[in-house]
Amino acid sequence: MTDAFTRAVEAVLFAADAPLSIEAIRAHAGEGDVRAALAEIAAHHQGRGIELVRRGDRWHFQTAADLAHLLRRDREEPRKLSRAGVETLAIIAYHEPVTRAEIEAIRGVQISKGTLDVLMEAGWVRPAGRREVPGRPLTYATTPEFLVHFNLASRRDLPGIDDLRAAGLLDPVDLAIERVEVAKDDEDA
């Protein structure tokens, strides 16, 4: 990695206190092929103590996942979410931007304001504007911190229904309902 532009990109990323977009990197490093420099830097750091990772449309350095435990002085308490919190987070992640009423319609029950507050305090959910319908309800979406916490490059990396079924994470009730719906669709056809 001897190219001066690639070195400048690496320095900008190293000094950044937050993940940077390609445009932000270019603003600091100057004109050049940022994508090529990022690919070279990522290849250079692959298998090392730090790695270059992409989160959404932003890039940053992080400690290699297998070495992160070395840097923790105090044991982090895992954040425990209620079932309502987990369901609400999943609905927001898969359907964003989504309103409170839409979340409640999907879950089939009302959610307390505290559930959304916990998700926003964790930094995983943010208000995402207002829907242009009567009453202009607030919509919610996931944040870049959500992607970082769950080690996702983008929302497209969320597991699909087949992945969840293979992992045994679907309730038997969910599977039974799905079979009934498929059978009904077959009868209607």
Protein backbone atom coordinates (compact mmCIF):
# COMPACT_ATOMS: atom_id res chain seq x y z
CA MET A 1 0.00 0.00 0.00
CA THR A 2 2.32 2.73 -1.24
CA ASP A 3 -0.09 4.93 -3.22
CA ALA A 4 -0.24 8.39 -1.56
CA PHE A 5 -4.01 8.68 -2.08
CA THR A 6 -4.66 5.28 -0.49
CA ARG A 7 -2.50 6.28 2.47
CA ALA A 8 -4.49 9.52 2.80
CA VAL A 9 -7.78 7.59 2.77
CA GLU A 10 -6.44 5.25 5.44
CA ALA A 11 -5.33 8.18 7.60
CA VAL A 12 -8.72 9.89 7.28
CA LEU A 13 -10.55 6.70 8.31
CA PHE A 14 -8.15 6.06 11.18
CA ALA A 15 -8.62 9.56 12.60
CA ALA A 16 -12.41 9.66 12.15
CA ASP A 17 -14.55 9.47 15.26
CA ALA A 18 -17.52 8.08 13.30
CA PRO A 19 -18.00 5.99 10.14
CA LEU A 20 -17.53 8.06 6.97
CA SER A 21 -19.31 8.07 3.62
CA ILE A 22 -17.34 7.99 0.38
CA GLU A 23 -18.15 11.67 -0.14
CA ALA A 24 -16.82 12.59 3.32
CA ILE A 25 -13.64 10.58 2.71
CA ARG A 26 -13.15 12.34 -0.65
CA ALA A 27 -13.69 15.75 1.03
CA HIS A 28 -10.75 15.05 3.36
CA ALA A 29 -8.44 12.96 1.18
CA GLY A 30 -8.91 14.80 -2.11
CA GLU A 31 -9.83 13.60 -5.56
CA GLY A 32 -9.10 9.99 -6.38
CA ASP A 33 -10.69 6.56 -6.65
CA VAL A 34 -11.98 6.18 -3.09
CA ARG A 35 -13.60 2.78 -3.78
CA ALA A 36 -10.33 1.33 -5.10
CA ALA A 37 -8.46 2.74 -2.10
CA LEU A 38 -11.04 1.23 0.28
CA ALA A 39 -10.72 -2.17 -1.41
CA GLU A 40 -6.92 -2.03 -1.11
CA ILE A 41 -7.07 -0.98 2.55
CA ALA A 42 -9.61 -3.71 3.36
CA ALA A 43 -7.43 -6.34 1.67
CA HIS A 44 -4.34 -5.07 3.50
CA HIS A 45 -6.03 -5.31 6.91
CA GLN A 46 -7.81 -8.63 6.31
CA GLY A 47 -6.88 -11.13 9.02
CA ARG A 48 -5.12 -8.49 11.11
CA GLY A 49 -5.97 -6.94 14.48
CA ILE A 50 -8.11 -4.22 12.94
CA GLU A 51 -10.33 -4.40 9.91
CA LEU A 52 -12.04 -1.98 7.58
CA VAL A 53 -15.78 -2.57 7.56
CA ARG A 54 -18.75 -1.12 5.73
CA ARG A 55 -21.92 -0.27 7.63
CA GLY A 56 -24.66 0.88 5.33
CA ASP A 57 -22.99 3.44 3.07
CA ARG A 58 -20.26 4.35 5.57
CA TRP A 59 -16.82 2.94 6.32
CA HIS A 60 -14.75 2.66 9.51
CA PHE A 61 -12.03 0.69 11.24
CA GLN A 62 -12.94 -1.68 14.04
CA THR A 63 -11.14 -4.21 16.18
CA ALA A 64 -11.23 -7.68 14.66
CA ALA A 65 -14.23 -9.50 16.12
CA ASP A 66 -12.12 -12.34 17.50
CA LEU A 67 -9.94 -9.86 19.45
CA ALA A 68 -12.59 -7.50 20.81
CA HIS A 69 -12.63 -9.28 24.17
CA LEU A 70 -9.04 -8.14 24.79
CA LEU A 71 -10.10 -4.50 24.90
CA ARG A 72 -12.99 -4.84 27.33
CA ARG A 73 -11.97 -3.91 30.83
CA ASP A 74 -15.40 -4.32 32.33
CA ARG A 75 -17.81 -6.96 31.23
CA GLU A 76 -20.61 -5.35 29.27
CA GLU A 77 -24.03 -6.26 30.50
CA PRO A 78 -26.00 -7.54 27.55
CA ARG A 79 -29.03 -5.41 26.88
CA LYS A 80 -32.13 -7.41 27.71
CA LEU A 81 -35.16 -6.49 25.66
CA SER A 82 -38.66 -7.55 26.50
CA ARG A 83 -40.50 -9.72 24.00
CA ALA A 84 -42.46 -6.59 23.00
CA GLY A 85 -39.16 -4.76 22.45
CA VAL A 86 -37.73 -7.54 20.29
CA GLU A 87 -40.93 -7.79 18.23
CA THR A 88 -41.12 -4.02 17.80
CA LEU A 89 -37.45 -3.80 16.74
CA ALA A 90 -37.95 -6.62 14.22
CA ILE A 91 -41.05 -4.95 12.76
CA ILE A 92 -39.23 -1.63 12.41
CA ALA A 93 -36.16 -3.30 10.84
CA TYR A 94 -38.17 -5.29 8.29
CA HIS A 95 -40.85 -2.68 7.47
CA GLU A 96 -39.19 0.72 7.94
CA PRO A 97 -40.26 3.46 7.86
CA VAL A 98 -43.24 2.34 9.93
CA THR A 99 -45.74 4.15 12.15
CA ARG A 100 -46.80 3.16 15.66
CA ALA A 101 -50.24 2.16 14.32
CA GLU A 102 -48.63 -0.09 11.70
CA ILE A 103 -46.44 -1.72 14.38
CA GLU A 104 -49.53 -2.35 16.51
CA ALA A 105 -51.45 -3.76 13.52
CA ILE A 106 -48.63 -6.21 12.75
CA ARG A 107 -48.17 -7.24 16.39
CA GLY A 108 -51.91 -7.36 17.06
CA VAL A 109 -51.56 -5.50 20.37
CA GLN A 110 -50.83 -1.97 21.49
CA ILE A 111 -47.27 -1.07 22.39
CA SER A 112 -46.36 1.11 25.29
CA LYS A 113 -44.46 4.33 24.66
CA GLY A 114 -41.72 2.90 26.85
CA THR A 115 -40.96 0.19 24.30
CA LEU A 116 -40.04 2.70 21.62
CA ASP A 117 -38.19 4.82 24.20
CA VAL A 118 -35.98 1.84 25.16
CA LEU A 119 -35.16 1.18 21.50
CA MET A 120 -34.33 4.86 20.92
CA GLU A 121 -32.19 5.03 24.08
CA ALA A 122 -30.26 2.00 22.84
CA GLY A 123 -29.61 3.98 19.66
CA TRP A 124 -31.19 1.33 17.42
CA VAL A 125 -34.34 3.23 16.38
CA ARG A 126 -34.91 6.85 15.41
CA PRO A 127 -37.86 8.99 14.32
CA ALA A 128 -37.84 9.04 10.52
CA GLY A 129 -40.24 11.84 9.67
CA ARG A 130 -43.98 11.97 9.30
CA ARG A 131 -46.26 10.08 6.96
CA GLU A 132 -48.21 12.36 4.60
CA VAL A 133 -51.65 11.11 5.64
CA PRO A 134 -54.31 12.62 7.93
CA GLY A 135 -52.88 13.09 11.41
CA ARG A 136 -49.32 12.98 9.99
CA PRO A 137 -48.14 10.10 12.22
CA LEU A 138 -44.48 9.82 13.13
CA THR A 139 -42.55 7.04 11.42
CA TYR A 140 -39.66 5.02 12.86
CA ALA A 141 -36.56 3.50 11.25
CA THR A 142 -33.38 1.76 12.35
CA THR A 143 -30.09 3.62 12.79
CA PRO A 144 -26.48 2.98 11.71
CA GLU A 145 -25.84 1.92 15.34
CA PHE A 146 -28.40 -0.87 14.82
CA LEU A 147 -26.32 -2.14 11.89
CA VAL A 148 -23.10 -1.93 13.91
CA HIS A 149 -24.58 -3.65 16.99
CA PHE A 150 -26.00 -6.54 15.00
CA ASN A 151 -22.94 -6.70 12.70
CA LEU A 152 -24.89 -6.03 9.51
CA ALA A 153 -23.53 -4.25 6.45
CA SER A 154 -27.06 -3.20 5.48
CA ARG A 155 -30.69 -4.12 6.17
CA ARG A 156 -30.49 -6.51 3.22
CA ASP A 157 -28.37 -8.73 5.47
CA LEU A 158 -31.29 -9.35 7.84
CA PRO A 159 -32.25 -13.03 7.84
CA GLY A 160 -35.17 -14.07 5.66
CA ILE A 161 -38.04 -16.37 6.62
CA ASP A 162 -36.16 -19.46 5.39
CA ASP A 163 -33.11 -18.51 7.48
CA LEU A 164 -35.26 -18.04 10.57
CA ARG A 165 -37.05 -21.35 9.99
CA ALA A 166 -33.72 -23.19 9.51
CA ALA A 167 -32.41 -21.71 12.78
CA GLY A 168 -35.56 -22.88 14.62
CA LEU A 169 -36.48 -19.32 15.58
CA LEU A 170 -40.09 -19.41 14.41
CA ASP A 171 -42.79 -20.38 16.88
CA PRO A 172 -44.74 -23.53 16.04
CA VAL A 173 -47.85 -21.33 16.03
CA ASP A 174 -46.30 -19.12 13.33
CA LEU A 175 -45.50 -22.17 11.23
CA ALA A 176 -49.03 -23.57 11.64
CA ILE A 177 -50.58 -20.24 10.62
CA GLU A 178 -48.29 -20.09 7.59
CA ARG A 179 -49.32 -23.64 6.54
CA VAL A 180 -53.02 -22.73 6.86
CA GLU A 181 -52.50 -19.59 4.75
CA VAL A 182 -50.62 -21.55 2.07
CA ALA A 183 -53.35 -24.23 2.00
CA LYS A 184 -56.04 -21.54 1.71
CA ASP A 185 -54.14 -19.88 -1.16
CA ASP A 186 -53.88 -23.26 -2.91
CA GLU A 187 -57.65 -23.82 -2.54
CA ASP A 188 -58.42 -20.36 -3.92
CA ALA A 189 -56.20 -20.99 -6.96
